[in-house]
């Protein structure tokens, strides 16, 4: 049982290090931005994340539309 736990910990450690090699080695290394808002191609098309688009749509509504939407 202990062997399985130790082996699992070793495998997890190796996998974590392998995922972080690029970030650790490069001086300005950082995780890639996988968020929809960070994609320049989608930004050119006017596509953003659902939360941002919902917020922007709420700014274009008048008070009556906002109250009606929340009911």
N, C-alpha and C. Protein backbone atom coordinates (compact mmCIF):
# COMPACT_ATOMS: atom_id res chain seq x y z
N UNK A 1 0.83 -1.19 0.00
CA UNK A 1 0.00 0.00 0.00
C UNK A 1 0.86 1.25 0.00
N UNK A 2 1.88 1.26 0.84
CA UNK A 2 2.79 2.40 0.91
C UNK A 2 3.54 2.58 -0.40
N UNK A 3 3.86 1.49 -1.05
CA UNK A 3 4.57 1.56 -2.33
C UNK A 3 3.72 2.27 -3.39
N UNK A 4 2.44 2.01 -3.39
CA UNK A 4 1.54 2.64 -4.35
C UNK A 4 1.45 4.14 -4.10
N UNK A 5 1.38 4.53 -2.85
CA UNK A 5 1.30 5.95 -2.50
C UNK A 5 2.58 6.66 -2.91
N UNK A 6 3.72 6.07 -2.60
CA UNK A 6 5.01 6.68 -2.96
C UNK A 6 5.15 6.76 -4.48
N UNK A 7 4.78 5.71 -5.18
CA UNK A 7 4.86 5.71 -6.64
C UNK A 7 3.93 6.78 -7.23
N UNK A 8 2.76 6.92 -6.68
CA UNK A 8 1.83 7.95 -7.14
C UNK A 8 2.39 9.35 -6.92
N UNK A 9 2.99 9.57 -5.78
CA UNK A 9 3.59 10.88 -5.49
C UNK A 9 4.74 11.18 -6.45
N UNK A 10 5.55 10.18 -6.76
CA UNK A 10 6.65 10.37 -7.69
C UNK A 10 6.12 10.69 -9.08
N UNK A 11 5.11 9.98 -9.52
CA UNK A 11 4.52 10.21 -10.85
C UNK A 11 3.92 11.62 -10.92
N UNK A 12 3.21 12.03 -9.90
CA UNK A 12 2.62 13.37 -9.88
C UNK A 12 3.69 14.45 -9.90
N UNK A 13 4.78 14.23 -9.16
CA UNK A 13 5.86 15.21 -9.13
C UNK A 13 6.53 15.32 -10.50
N UNK A 14 6.81 14.20 -11.13
CA UNK A 14 7.43 14.21 -12.46
C UNK A 14 6.52 14.90 -13.48
N UNK A 15 5.24 14.60 -13.44
CA UNK A 15 4.29 15.23 -14.37
C UNK A 15 4.22 16.73 -14.16
N UNK A 16 4.19 17.18 -12.92
CA UNK A 16 4.14 18.61 -12.62
C UNK A 16 5.39 19.31 -13.12
N UNK A 17 6.54 18.71 -12.89
CA UNK A 17 7.80 19.31 -13.36
C UNK A 17 7.82 19.36 -14.89
N UNK A 18 7.35 18.31 -15.53
CA UNK A 18 7.34 18.30 -17.00
C UNK A 18 6.41 19.37 -17.56
N UNK A 19 5.30 19.63 -16.90
CA UNK A 19 4.39 20.68 -17.35
C UNK A 19 4.97 22.08 -17.14
N UNK A 20 5.85 22.22 -16.17
CA UNK A 20 6.38 23.54 -15.81
C UNK A 20 7.76 23.81 -16.36
N UNK A 21 8.33 22.90 -17.14
CA UNK A 21 9.71 23.08 -17.62
C UNK A 21 9.84 24.38 -18.41
N UNK A 22 8.93 24.64 -19.31
CA UNK A 22 9.00 25.85 -20.13
C UNK A 22 8.94 27.10 -19.27
N UNK A 23 8.13 27.08 -18.26
CA UNK A 23 7.98 28.24 -17.39
C UNK A 23 9.20 28.43 -16.50
N UNK A 24 9.77 27.33 -16.04
CA UNK A 24 10.92 27.40 -15.15
C UNK A 24 12.17 27.84 -15.91
N UNK A 25 12.39 27.33 -17.11
CA UNK A 25 13.62 27.59 -17.85
C UNK A 25 13.64 29.00 -18.45
N UNK A 26 12.55 29.44 -19.04
CA UNK A 26 12.53 30.75 -19.69
C UNK A 26 12.52 31.86 -18.64
N UNK A 27 13.22 32.93 -18.96
CA UNK A 27 13.30 34.05 -18.02
C UNK A 27 11.94 34.73 -17.84
N UNK A 28 11.23 34.94 -18.93
CA UNK A 28 9.91 35.57 -18.86
C UNK A 28 8.80 34.56 -19.01
N UNK A 29 9.06 33.33 -18.62
CA UNK A 29 8.09 32.25 -18.79
C UNK A 29 6.83 32.48 -17.99
N UNK A 30 5.69 32.19 -18.60
CA UNK A 30 4.41 32.29 -17.92
C UNK A 30 3.44 31.31 -18.57
N UNK A 31 2.40 30.97 -17.86
CA UNK A 31 1.40 30.08 -18.40
C UNK A 31 0.67 30.77 -19.55
N UNK A 32 0.32 30.06 -20.60
CA UNK A 32 -0.40 30.68 -21.71
C UNK A 32 -1.80 31.09 -21.28
N UNK A 33 -2.27 32.18 -21.85
CA UNK A 33 -3.61 32.67 -21.55
C UNK A 33 -4.60 31.91 -22.43
N UNK A 34 -5.35 31.02 -21.84
CA UNK A 34 -6.30 30.22 -22.61
C UNK A 34 -7.72 30.77 -22.53
N UNK A 35 -7.88 31.92 -21.92
CA UNK A 35 -9.20 32.54 -21.79
C UNK A 35 -9.63 33.11 -23.13
N UNK A 36 -10.90 33.10 -23.41
CA UNK A 36 -11.44 33.59 -24.68
C UNK A 36 -11.05 35.05 -24.89
N UNK A 37 -11.06 35.83 -23.84
CA UNK A 37 -10.72 37.25 -23.96
C UNK A 37 -9.26 37.48 -24.32
N UNK A 38 -8.39 36.50 -24.12
CA UNK A 38 -6.98 36.64 -24.43
C UNK A 38 -6.63 36.21 -25.85
N UNK A 39 -7.60 35.81 -26.63
CA UNK A 39 -7.36 35.34 -27.99
C UNK A 39 -7.53 36.50 -28.96
N UNK A 40 -6.44 36.96 -29.62
CA UNK A 40 -6.54 38.11 -30.51
C UNK A 40 -7.46 37.87 -31.71
N UNK A 41 -7.49 36.66 -32.25
CA UNK A 41 -8.33 36.37 -33.42
C UNK A 41 -9.81 36.54 -33.06
N UNK A 42 -10.21 36.07 -31.88
CA UNK A 42 -11.60 36.23 -31.47
C UNK A 42 -11.90 37.69 -31.13
N UNK A 43 -10.92 38.41 -30.60
CA UNK A 43 -11.10 39.82 -30.29
C UNK A 43 -11.38 40.64 -31.54
N UNK A 44 -10.70 40.31 -32.65
CA UNK A 44 -10.93 41.03 -33.91
C UNK A 44 -12.36 40.82 -34.41
N UNK A 45 -12.91 39.65 -34.11
CA UNK A 45 -14.28 39.35 -34.53
C UNK A 45 -15.32 39.90 -33.55
N UNK A 46 -14.86 40.48 -32.44
CA UNK A 46 -15.78 41.03 -31.46
C UNK A 46 -16.33 40.00 -30.50
N UNK A 47 -15.67 38.85 -30.42
CA UNK A 47 -16.13 37.78 -29.53
C UNK A 47 -15.36 37.85 -28.23
N UNK A 48 -16.06 37.83 -27.12
CA UNK A 48 -15.43 37.82 -25.81
C UNK A 48 -16.04 36.72 -24.97
N UNK A 49 -15.64 36.68 -23.72
CA UNK A 49 -16.21 35.66 -22.84
C UNK A 49 -17.67 36.00 -22.54
N UNK A 50 -18.41 35.02 -22.12
CA UNK A 50 -19.85 35.19 -21.89
C UNK A 50 -20.11 36.24 -20.81
N UNK A 51 -19.31 36.25 -19.77
CA UNK A 51 -19.51 37.20 -18.67
C UNK A 51 -19.31 38.64 -19.17
N UNK A 52 -18.27 38.87 -19.97
CA UNK A 52 -18.01 40.21 -20.49
C UNK A 52 -19.10 40.64 -21.45
N UNK A 53 -19.51 39.75 -22.33
CA UNK A 53 -20.56 40.10 -23.28
C UNK A 53 -21.88 40.38 -22.57
N UNK A 54 -22.17 39.64 -21.52
CA UNK A 54 -23.38 39.88 -20.75
C UNK A 54 -23.32 41.25 -20.06
N UNK A 55 -22.16 41.59 -19.52
CA UNK A 55 -21.99 42.88 -18.86
C UNK A 55 -22.17 44.02 -19.86
N UNK A 56 -21.55 43.89 -21.05
CA UNK A 56 -21.67 44.93 -22.06
C UNK A 56 -23.10 45.06 -22.57
N UNK A 57 -23.81 43.94 -22.69
CA UNK A 57 -25.21 44.00 -23.10
C UNK A 57 -26.05 44.70 -22.04
N UNK A 58 -25.72 44.49 -20.77
CA UNK A 58 -26.43 45.15 -19.69
C UNK A 58 -26.23 46.66 -19.69
N UNK A 59 -25.06 47.10 -20.15
CA UNK A 59 -24.80 48.54 -20.22
C UNK A 59 -25.65 49.22 -21.29
N UNK A 60 -26.03 48.48 -22.32
CA UNK A 60 -26.82 49.05 -23.41
C UNK A 60 -28.33 49.02 -23.14
N UNK A 61 -28.74 48.42 -22.02
CA UNK A 61 -30.17 48.33 -21.69
C UNK A 61 -30.61 49.54 -20.86
N UNK A 62 -31.87 49.88 -21.02
CA UNK A 62 -32.41 50.91 -20.14
C UNK A 62 -32.93 50.26 -18.87
N UNK A 63 -33.40 51.05 -17.91
CA UNK A 63 -33.79 50.53 -16.61
C UNK A 63 -34.93 49.53 -16.72
N UNK A 64 -35.92 49.81 -17.57
CA UNK A 64 -37.06 48.90 -17.72
C UNK A 64 -36.60 47.53 -18.22
N UNK A 65 -35.70 47.51 -19.21
CA UNK A 65 -35.21 46.23 -19.74
C UNK A 65 -34.40 45.47 -18.69
N UNK A 66 -33.64 46.18 -17.88
CA UNK A 66 -32.85 45.54 -16.83
C UNK A 66 -33.76 44.90 -15.78
N UNK A 67 -34.81 45.61 -15.37
CA UNK A 67 -35.73 45.07 -14.38
C UNK A 67 -36.50 43.87 -14.94
N UNK A 68 -36.89 43.96 -16.19
CA UNK A 68 -37.63 42.89 -16.83
C UNK A 68 -36.75 41.63 -16.97
N UNK A 69 -35.50 41.81 -17.20
CA UNK A 69 -34.56 40.71 -17.38
C UNK A 69 -34.33 39.96 -16.07
N UNK A 70 -34.33 40.64 -14.94
CA UNK A 70 -34.05 40.02 -13.66
C UNK A 70 -35.25 39.32 -13.04
N UNK A 71 -36.40 39.42 -13.63
CA UNK A 71 -37.60 38.79 -13.08
C UNK A 71 -37.67 37.35 -13.41
